[in-house]
């Protein structure tokens, strides 16, 4: 029987702390805090909603993070 895979560790971070930052600063901060995948999206972008541990999502308008969520 195959072993159960271990999901990536989720950094202990507060997504709300990224709102208001410029996109470059937010991405740099997220990577230094341990996020393995950083995804920047334009407002209204259609995406799938599967949860992926270790991923942080930014909604970016005019180079500023307006919304942030994990997974």
C-alpha atoms as a PDB file:
ATOM      1  CA  UNK A   1       0.000   0.000   0.000  1.00  0.00           C
ATOM      2  CA  UNK A   2       1.310   3.449  -0.917  1.00  0.00           C
ATOM      3  CA  UNK A   3       2.070   5.945   1.805  1.00  0.00           C
ATOM      4  CA  UNK A   4      -0.150   8.991   2.253  1.00  0.00           C
ATOM      5  CA  UNK A   5       1.586  12.081   0.825  1.00  0.00           C
ATOM      6  CA  UNK A   6       2.421  14.921   3.184  1.00  0.00           C
ATOM      7  CA  UNK A   7       1.078  18.274   1.986  1.00  0.00           C
ATOM      8  CA  UNK A   8       3.476  21.241   1.884  1.00  0.00           C
ATOM      9  CA  UNK A   9       3.751  23.227   5.079  1.00  0.00           C
ATOM     10  CA  UNK A  10       1.505  26.249   5.294  1.00  0.00           C
ATOM     11  CA  UNK A  11       3.466  29.332   6.474  1.00  0.00           C
ATOM     12  CA  UNK A  12       2.206  30.992   9.641  1.00  0.00           C
ATOM     13  CA  UNK A  13       1.213  34.265   8.005  1.00  0.00           C
ATOM     14  CA  UNK A  14      -1.676  36.741   7.891  1.00  0.00           C
ATOM     15  CA  UNK A  15      -3.016  37.225   4.346  1.00  0.00           C
ATOM     16  CA  UNK A  16      -4.632  40.555   5.264  1.00  0.00           C
ATOM     17  CA  UNK A  17      -1.163  42.014   5.925  1.00  0.00           C
ATOM     18  CA  UNK A  18      -0.464  42.017   2.163  1.00  0.00           C
ATOM     19  CA  UNK A  19      -3.449  44.175   1.194  1.00  0.00           C
ATOM     20  CA  UNK A  20      -2.296  47.657   0.216  1.00  0.00           C
ATOM     21  CA  UNK A  21       1.282  46.630  -0.647  1.00  0.00           C
ATOM     22  CA  UNK A  22       2.647  47.006  -4.145  1.00  0.00           C
ATOM     23  CA  UNK A  23       2.700  43.668  -5.971  1.00  0.00           C
ATOM     24  CA  UNK A  24       6.510  43.317  -6.087  1.00  0.00           C
ATOM     25  CA  UNK A  25       6.920  43.956  -2.366  1.00  0.00           C
ATOM     26  CA  UNK A  26       4.088  41.544  -1.551  1.00  0.00           C
ATOM     27  CA  UNK A  27       5.602  38.771  -3.675  1.00  0.00           C
ATOM     28  CA  UNK A  28       9.065  39.247  -2.182  1.00  0.00           C
ATOM     29  CA  UNK A  29       7.637  39.206   1.368  1.00  0.00           C
ATOM     30  CA  UNK A  30       5.541  36.096   0.673  1.00  0.00           C
ATOM     31  CA  UNK A  31       8.539  34.171  -0.665  1.00  0.00           C
ATOM     32  CA  UNK A  32      10.733  35.127   2.301  1.00  0.00           C
ATOM     33  CA  UNK A  33       7.968  33.966   4.648  1.00  0.00           C
ATOM     34  CA  UNK A  34       7.926  30.514   3.045  1.00  0.00           C
ATOM     35  CA  UNK A  35       5.152  30.510   0.435  1.00  0.00           C
ATOM     36  CA  UNK A  36       6.172  28.100  -2.323  1.00  0.00           C
ATOM     37  CA  UNK A  37       3.686  29.449  -4.879  1.00  0.00           C
ATOM     38  CA  UNK A  38       2.762  33.120  -5.189  1.00  0.00           C
ATOM     39  CA  UNK A  39       0.007  33.898  -7.676  1.00  0.00           C
ATOM     40  CA  UNK A  40      -0.928  37.456  -8.760  1.00  0.00           C
ATOM     41  CA  UNK A  41      -4.259  37.834 -10.534  1.00  0.00           C
ATOM     42  CA  UNK A  42      -6.087  40.726 -12.121  1.00  0.00           C
ATOM     43  CA  UNK A  43      -9.539  41.553 -10.677  1.00  0.00           C
ATOM     44  CA  UNK A  44     -12.215  39.297 -12.149  1.00  0.00           C
ATOM     45  CA  UNK A  45      -9.797  36.644 -13.400  1.00  0.00           C
ATOM     46  CA  UNK A  46     -11.535  33.286 -13.756  1.00  0.00           C
ATOM     47  CA  UNK A  47      -9.656  30.621 -11.779  1.00  0.00           C
ATOM     48  CA  UNK A  48     -10.249  27.139 -10.457  1.00  0.00           C
ATOM     49  CA  UNK A  49     -10.824  26.982  -6.729  1.00  0.00           C
ATOM     50  CA  UNK A  50      -8.871  23.866  -5.760  1.00  0.00           C
ATOM     51  CA  UNK A  51      -6.947  24.297  -2.522  1.00  0.00           C
ATOM     52  CA  UNK A  52      -3.165  23.998  -2.787  1.00  0.00           C
ATOM     53  CA  UNK A  53      -1.151  24.145   0.408  1.00  0.00           C
ATOM     54  CA  UNK A  54       1.773  26.524   0.269  1.00  0.00           C
ATOM     55  CA  UNK A  55       0.088  28.866  -2.232  1.00  0.00           C
ATOM     56  CA  UNK A  56      -0.887  32.479  -1.616  1.00  0.00           C
ATOM     57  CA  UNK A  57      -3.024  34.439  -4.074  1.00  0.00           C
ATOM     58  CA  UNK A  58      -3.021  38.178  -4.644  1.00  0.00           C
ATOM     59  CA  UNK A  59      -5.631  40.131  -6.541  1.00  0.00           C
ATOM     60  CA  UNK A  60      -3.683  43.047  -8.006  1.00  0.00           C
ATOM     61  CA  UNK A  61      -5.153  46.247  -9.438  1.00  0.00           C
ATOM     62  CA  UNK A  62      -2.895  49.054 -10.662  1.00  0.00           C
ATOM     63  CA  UNK A  63       0.171  47.337  -9.113  1.00  0.00           C
ATOM     64  CA  UNK A  64      -1.434  47.192  -5.643  1.00  0.00           C
ATOM     65  CA  UNK A  65      -2.679  44.122  -3.781  1.00  0.00           C
ATOM     66  CA  UNK A  66      -6.406  44.620  -3.188  1.00  0.00           C
ATOM     67  CA  UNK A  67      -7.264  41.129  -1.892  1.00  0.00           C
ATOM     68  CA  UNK A  68      -5.281  38.157  -0.597  1.00  0.00           C
ATOM     69  CA  UNK A  69      -6.168  34.536   0.224  1.00  0.00           C
ATOM     70  CA  UNK A  70      -4.387  31.216   0.716  1.00  0.00           C
ATOM     71  CA  UNK A  71      -4.734  27.999  -1.214  1.00  0.00           C
END
